[in-house]
Amino acid sequence: MLIGPGGVGKGTLARRLVDVDDRLWLSRSWTTREQRAGERGDEYHFVDRATFQRAIEEGRFLEWAEFHGNLYGTPMPDAPEHADVLLEIEVQGAEQVRQRRSDAVVFLILPPSMERLEERLRHRGDDDEHVAVRLSSAPAELEKGQQLASHVIVNDDVERASSQILSILEELRQLRRNPSSKD
């Protein structure tokens, strides 16, 4: 799971990771929020609140949460066999996934600085009010993320951060193949 406050680059990292590692399968989350200007439309499965609520009632989500007035959720994964599932989710969702899957690996993605986080939020087209709300919730998200994190990655450079994650994933895969090689 990639977690962290909005604007840290979880989506960019997730796309990079699946581009370079064909053993990763990215789960596409649902949301009730509006599509942002500049988004391609494949970042989320955009739905209305009634559709999302029906999916909750039908038990179709691995995790879901309301965050800043919008619903976000990860459908039950339908990944290809032998693929590692990659989730790009909010901290609240990571807590729910960890309750179901205690072995889930959590990467907390950090911004290089709060100033850089603000720049990223503004660059993606968020209005002043949304930026202020996101920045005000970031410290609590980071604190909770630290508690959940298996690994912490500073996203100051996408190539470096994705290489770090891929290196850790490869170590975990080797341990899965050879459990006796643990130190």
C-alpha atoms as a PDB file:
ATOM      1  CA  MET A   1       0.000   0.000   0.000  1.00  0.00           C
ATOM      2  CA  LEU A   2       1.139   3.510  -0.794  1.00  0.00           C
ATOM      3  CA  ILE A   3      -0.237   5.943   1.781  1.00  0.00           C
ATOM      4  CA  GLY A   4       0.353   9.581   2.631  1.00  0.00           C
ATOM      5  CA  PRO A   5      -1.320  12.969   2.469  1.00  0.00           C
ATOM      6  CA  GLY A   6      -2.808  14.206  -0.779  1.00  0.00           C
ATOM      7  CA  GLY A   7      -0.164  15.724  -3.010  1.00  0.00           C
ATOM      8  CA  VAL A   8       2.797  13.549  -1.945  1.00  0.00           C
ATOM      9  CA  GLY A   9       2.814  11.800  -5.311  1.00  0.00           C
ATOM     10  CA  LYS A  10       1.225   8.443  -4.507  1.00  0.00           C
ATOM     11  CA  GLY A  11      -0.464   8.305  -7.914  1.00  0.00           C
ATOM     12  CA  THR A  12       2.676   9.227  -9.803  1.00  0.00           C
ATOM     13  CA  LEU A  13       4.672   6.617  -7.900  1.00  0.00           C
ATOM     14  CA  ALA A  14       2.002   3.967  -8.396  1.00  0.00           C
ATOM     15  CA  ARG A  15       1.955   4.528 -12.167  1.00  0.00           C
ATOM     16  CA  ARG A  16       5.751   4.416 -12.291  1.00  0.00           C
ATOM     17  CA  LEU A  17       5.886   1.208 -10.254  1.00  0.00           C
ATOM     18  CA  VAL A  18       3.426  -0.688 -12.461  1.00  0.00           C
ATOM     19  CA  ASP A  19       5.172   0.625 -15.587  1.00  0.00           C
ATOM     20  CA  VAL A  20       8.507  -0.895 -14.555  1.00  0.00           C
ATOM     21  CA  ASP A  21       7.365  -4.003 -12.645  1.00  0.00           C
ATOM     22  CA  ASP A  22       4.971  -6.309 -14.480  1.00  0.00           C
ATOM     23  CA  ARG A  23       4.431  -8.320 -11.282  1.00  0.00           C
ATOM     24  CA  LEU A  24       2.531  -5.390  -9.747  1.00  0.00           C
ATOM     25  CA  TRP A  25      -1.196  -4.927 -10.327  1.00  0.00           C
ATOM     26  CA  LEU A  26      -2.652  -1.534  -9.406  1.00  0.00           C
ATOM     27  CA  SER A  27      -6.110  -1.610  -7.917  1.00  0.00           C
ATOM     28  CA  ARG A  28      -8.247   1.253  -9.207  1.00  0.00           C
ATOM     29  CA  SER A  29     -10.078   2.949  -6.338  1.00  0.00           C
ATOM     30  CA  TRP A  30     -13.549   4.428  -6.477  1.00  0.00           C
ATOM     31  CA  THR A  31     -14.410   7.974  -5.438  1.00  0.00           C
ATOM     32  CA  THR A  32     -17.375  10.312  -5.317  1.00  0.00           C
ATOM     33  CA  ARG A  33     -15.213  13.378  -5.815  1.00  0.00           C
ATOM     34  CA  GLU A  34     -15.260  15.271  -9.082  1.00  0.00           C
ATOM     35  CA  GLN A  35     -12.539  14.605 -11.615  1.00  0.00           C
ATOM     36  CA  ARG A  36      -9.869  17.321 -11.457  1.00  0.00           C
ATOM     37  CA  ALA A  37      -8.824  19.355 -14.457  1.00  0.00           C
ATOM     38  CA  GLY A  38      -5.766  17.642 -15.899  1.00  0.00           C
ATOM     39  CA  GLU A  39      -6.733  14.151 -14.756  1.00  0.00           C
ATOM     40  CA  ARG A  40      -6.964  11.576 -17.536  1.00  0.00           C
ATOM     41  CA  GLY A  41      -9.991   9.871 -15.963  1.00  0.00           C
ATOM     42  CA  ASP A  42      -8.334   6.551 -15.203  1.00  0.00           C
ATOM     43  CA  GLU A  43      -6.989   7.655 -11.825  1.00  0.00           C
ATOM     44  CA  TYR A  44     -10.243   6.562 -10.153  1.00  0.00           C
ATOM     45  CA  HIS A  45     -13.524   4.980 -11.007  1.00  0.00           C
ATOM     46  CA  PHE A  46     -15.620   8.157 -10.580  1.00  0.00           C
ATOM     47  CA  VAL A  47     -19.154   7.438  -9.337  1.00  0.00           C
ATOM     48  CA  ASP A  48     -22.009   9.268  -7.651  1.00  0.00           C
ATOM     49  CA  ARG A  49     -22.708   8.860  -3.926  1.00  0.00           C
ATOM     50  CA  ALA A  50     -25.724   6.562  -4.440  1.00  0.00           C
ATOM     51  CA  THR A  51     -23.679   4.134  -6.560  1.00  0.00           C
ATOM     52  CA  PHE A  52     -20.896   4.128  -3.967  1.00  0.00           C
ATOM     53  CA  GLN A  53     -23.374   3.560  -1.113  1.00  0.00           C
ATOM     54  CA  ARG A  54     -24.889   0.568  -2.961  1.00  0.00           C
ATOM     55  CA  ALA A  55     -21.410  -0.937  -3.378  1.00  0.00           C
ATOM     56  CA  ILE A  56     -20.818  -0.515   0.385  1.00  0.00           C
ATOM     57  CA  GLU A  57     -24.114  -2.263   1.157  1.00  0.00           C
ATOM     58  CA  GLU A  58     -23.173  -5.083  -1.217  1.00  0.00           C
ATOM     59  CA  GLY A  59     -19.804  -5.567   0.530  1.00  0.00           C
ATOM     60  CA  ARG A  60     -17.807  -4.837  -2.615  1.00  0.00           C
ATOM     61  CA  PHE A  61     -14.975  -2.904  -0.917  1.00  0.00           C
ATOM     62  CA  LEU A  62     -11.794  -4.093   0.753  1.00  0.00           C
ATOM     63  CA  GLU A  63     -11.766  -0.722   2.465  1.00  0.00           C
ATOM     64  CA  TRP A  64     -13.607   2.572   2.204  1.00  0.00           C
ATOM     65  CA  ALA A  65     -13.702   5.886   4.036  1.00  0.00           C
ATOM     66  CA  GLU A  66     -15.136   9.352   3.851  1.00  0.00           C
ATOM     67  CA  PHE A  67     -12.387  11.924   3.535  1.00  0.00           C
ATOM     68  CA  HIS A  68     -12.924  15.677   3.211  1.00  0.00           C
ATOM     69  CA  GLY A  69     -16.568  15.139   2.237  1.00  0.00           C
ATOM     70  CA  ASN A  70     -15.960  12.532  -0.468  1.00  0.00           C
ATOM     71  CA  LEU A  71     -16.103   8.760  -0.360  1.00  0.00           C
ATOM     72  CA  TYR A  72     -13.060   6.733  -1.420  1.00  0.00           C
ATOM     73  CA  GLY A  73     -12.817   2.968  -1.561  1.00  0.00           C
ATOM     74  CA  THR A  74     -10.828   0.026  -2.847  1.00  0.00           C
ATOM     75  CA  PRO A  75     -12.884  -2.712  -4.469  1.00  0.00           C
ATOM     76  CA  MET A  76     -12.117  -6.301  -3.531  1.00  0.00           C
ATOM     77  CA  PRO A  77      -9.019  -7.047  -5.635  1.00  0.00           C
ATOM     78  CA  ASP A  78      -9.440  -9.147  -8.766  1.00  0.00           C
ATOM     79  CA  ALA A  79      -5.747  -9.326  -9.611  1.00  0.00           C
ATOM     80  CA  PRO A  80      -4.164 -11.755 -12.047  1.00  0.00           C
ATOM     81  CA  GLU A  81      -2.702 -14.879 -10.481  1.00  0.00           C
ATOM     82  CA  HIS A  82       0.805 -14.418  -9.015  1.00  0.00           C
ATOM     83  CA  ALA A  83       0.530 -10.610  -9.112  1.00  0.00           C
ATOM     84  CA  ASP A  84       1.292  -8.418  -6.131  1.00  0.00           C
ATOM     85  CA  VAL A  85      -1.607  -6.040  -5.495  1.00  0.00           C
ATOM     86  CA  LEU A  86      -0.668  -2.371  -5.199  1.00  0.00           C
ATOM     87  CA  LEU A  87      -3.074  -0.062  -3.394  1.00  0.00           C
ATOM     88  CA  GLU A  88      -2.832   3.724  -3.496  1.00  0.00           C
ATOM     89  CA  ILE A  89      -5.029   4.728  -0.569  1.00  0.00           C
ATOM     90  CA  GLU A  90      -5.674   7.109   2.303  1.00  0.00           C
ATOM     91  CA  VAL A  91      -4.379   6.400   5.818  1.00  0.00           C
ATOM     92  CA  GLN A  92      -7.902   5.520   7.039  1.00  0.00           C
ATOM     93  CA  GLY A  93      -8.155   2.871   4.348  1.00  0.00           C
ATOM     94  CA  ALA A  94      -4.759   1.433   5.242  1.00  0.00           C
ATOM     95  CA  GLU A  95      -5.983   0.861   8.795  1.00  0.00           C
ATOM     96  CA  GLN A  96      -8.926  -1.165   7.472  1.00  0.00           C
ATOM     97  CA  VAL A  97      -6.742  -3.213   5.125  1.00  0.00           C
ATOM     98  CA  ARG A  98      -4.302  -3.960   7.956  1.00  0.00           C
ATOM     99  CA  GLN A  99      -7.224  -5.260  10.053  1.00  0.00           C
ATOM    100  CA  ARG A 100      -8.061  -7.726   7.264  1.00  0.00           C
ATOM    101  CA  ARG A 101      -4.488  -8.426   6.152  1.00  0.00           C
ATOM    102  CA  SER A 102      -1.937  -8.017   8.932  1.00  0.00           C
ATOM    103  CA  ASP A 103       0.818  -9.036   6.469  1.00  0.00           C
ATOM    104  CA  ALA A 104       0.114  -6.062   4.157  1.00  0.00           C
ATOM    105  CA  VAL A 105       3.184  -3.938   3.476  1.00  0.00           C
ATOM    106  CA  VAL A 106       2.650  -0.208   3.968  1.00  0.00           C
ATOM    107  CA  PHE A 107       4.833   2.449   2.356  1.00  0.00           C
ATOM    108  CA  LEU A 108       4.317   5.877   3.895  1.00  0.00           C
ATOM    109  CA  ILE A 109       5.147   8.429   1.210  1.00  0.00           C
ATOM    110  CA  LEU A 110       6.450  11.731   2.570  1.00  0.00           C
ATOM    111  CA  PRO A 111       6.798  15.059   0.815  1.00  0.00           C
ATOM    112  CA  PRO A 112      10.286  16.582   0.819  1.00  0.00           C
ATOM    113  CA  SER A 113       8.781  19.502   2.804  1.00  0.00           C
ATOM    114  CA  MET A 114       5.403  21.007   3.641  1.00  0.00           C
ATOM    115  CA  GLU A 115       6.187  23.857   1.234  1.00  0.00           C
ATOM    116  CA  ARG A 116       6.739  21.366  -1.576  1.00  0.00           C
ATOM    117  CA  LEU A 117       3.502  19.581  -0.626  1.00  0.00           C
ATOM    118  CA  GLU A 118       1.615  22.867  -0.947  1.00  0.00           C
ATOM    119  CA  GLU A 119       3.213  23.500  -4.356  1.00  0.00           C
ATOM    120  CA  ARG A 120       2.158  20.055  -5.563  1.00  0.00           C
ATOM    121  CA  LEU A 121      -1.431  20.564  -4.398  1.00  0.00           C
ATOM    122  CA  ARG A 122      -1.624  23.905  -6.175  1.00  0.00           C
ATOM    123  CA  HIS A 123       0.037  22.493  -9.311  1.00  0.00           C
ATOM    124  CA  ARG A 124      -2.610  19.795  -9.632  1.00  0.00           C
ATOM    125  CA  GLY A 125      -5.306  22.462  -9.640  1.00  0.00           C
ATOM    126  CA  ASP A 126      -6.660  22.382  -6.095  1.00  0.00           C
ATOM    127  CA  ASP A 127      -8.315  25.638  -5.020  1.00  0.00           C
ATOM    128  CA  ASP A 128      -7.116  27.632  -1.992  1.00  0.00           C
ATOM    129  CA  GLU A 129      -9.756  26.190   0.331  1.00  0.00           C
ATOM    130  CA  HIS A 130      -8.971  22.606  -0.638  1.00  0.00           C
ATOM    131  CA  VAL A 131      -5.218  23.224  -0.281  1.00  0.00           C
ATOM    132  CA  ALA A 132      -5.775  24.656   3.213  1.00  0.00           C
ATOM    133  CA  VAL A 133      -7.920  21.678   4.239  1.00  0.00           C
ATOM    134  CA  ARG A 134      -5.386  19.192   2.866  1.00  0.00           C
ATOM    135  CA  LEU A 135      -2.461  20.942   4.564  1.00  0.00           C
ATOM    136  CA  SER A 136      -4.310  21.099   7.890  1.00  0.00           C
ATOM    137  CA  SER A 137      -5.011  17.351   7.834  1.00  0.00           C
ATOM    138  CA  ALA A 138      -1.499  16.352   6.686  1.00  0.00           C
ATOM    139  CA  PRO A 139       0.172  16.299  10.154  1.00  0.00           C
ATOM    140  CA  ALA A 140      -2.440  13.889  11.564  1.00  0.00           C
ATOM    141  CA  GLU A 141      -2.211  11.713   8.432  1.00  0.00           C
ATOM    142  CA  LEU A 142       1.572  11.623   8.715  1.00  0.00           C
ATOM    143  CA  GLU A 143       1.435  10.754  12.405  1.00  0.00           C
ATOM    144  CA  LYS A 144      -1.020   7.902  11.824  1.00  0.00           C
ATOM    145  CA  GLY A 145       0.931   6.833   8.740  1.00  0.00           C
ATOM    146  CA  GLN A 146       4.106   6.524  10.826  1.00  0.00           C
ATOM    147  CA  GLN A 147       2.262   4.086  13.110  1.00  0.00           C
ATOM    148  CA  LEU A 148       1.108   1.961  10.174  1.00  0.00           C
ATOM    149  CA  ALA A 149       4.201   2.151   7.982  1.00  0.00           C
ATOM    150  CA  SER A 150       6.421  -0.804   7.258  1.00  0.00           C
ATOM    151  CA  HIS A 151       8.679   1.572   5.275  1.00  0.00           C
ATOM    152  CA  VAL A 152       8.962   5.351   4.913  1.00  0.00           C
ATOM    153  CA  ILE A 153       9.922   6.866   1.549  1.00  0.00           C
ATOM    154  CA  VAL A 154      10.576  10.553   0.882  1.00  0.00           C
ATOM    155  CA  ASN A 155       9.278  11.388  -2.578  1.00  0.00           C
ATOM    156  CA  ASP A 156      11.733  14.099  -3.547  1.00  0.00           C
ATOM    157  CA  ASP A 157      12.525  12.362  -6.855  1.00  0.00           C
ATOM    158  CA  VAL A 158      10.145   9.874  -8.510  1.00  0.00           C
ATOM    159  CA  GLU A 159      12.929   7.709  -9.963  1.00  0.00           C
ATOM    160  CA  ARG A 160      14.789   7.458  -6.664  1.00  0.00           C
ATOM    161  CA  ALA A 161      11.630   6.852  -4.612  1.00  0.00           C
ATOM    162  CA  SER A 162      10.291   4.202  -7.006  1.00  0.00           C
ATOM    163  CA  SER A 163      13.695   2.480  -7.079  1.00  0.00           C
ATOM    164  CA  GLN A 164      13.688   2.352  -3.269  1.00  0.00           C
ATOM    165  CA  ILE A 165      10.219   0.806  -3.229  1.00  0.00           C
ATOM    166  CA  LEU A 166      11.085  -1.714  -5.935  1.00  0.00           C
ATOM    167  CA  SER A 167      14.237  -2.732  -4.077  1.00  0.00           C
ATOM    168  CA  ILE A 168      12.235  -3.364  -0.896  1.00  0.00           C
ATOM    169  CA  LEU A 169       9.592  -5.298  -2.848  1.00  0.00           C
ATOM    170  CA  GLU A 170      12.256  -7.510  -4.390  1.00  0.00           C
ATOM    171  CA  GLU A 171      13.677  -8.285  -0.930  1.00  0.00           C
ATOM    172  CA  LEU A 172      10.172  -9.189   0.267  1.00  0.00           C
ATOM    173  CA  ARG A 173       9.612 -11.418  -2.754  1.00  0.00           C
ATOM    174  CA  GLN A 174      12.886 -13.229  -2.069  1.00  0.00           C
ATOM    175  CA  LEU A 175      11.821 -13.798   1.535  1.00  0.00           C
ATOM    176  CA  ARG A 176       8.491 -15.156   0.300  1.00  0.00           C
ATOM    177  CA  ARG A 177      10.298 -17.589  -2.028  1.00  0.00           C
ATOM    178  CA  ASN A 178      12.868 -18.592   0.627  1.00  0.00           C
ATOM    179  CA  PRO A 179      11.317 -18.088   4.066  1.00  0.00           C
ATOM    180  CA  SER A 180      14.264 -19.873   5.695  1.00  0.00           C
ATOM    181  CA  SER A 181      16.641 -17.110   4.512  1.00  0.00           C
ATOM    182  CA  LYS A 182      15.331 -14.684   7.125  1.00  0.00           C
ATOM    183  CA  ASP A 183      18.042 -13.406   9.491  1.00  0.00           C
END
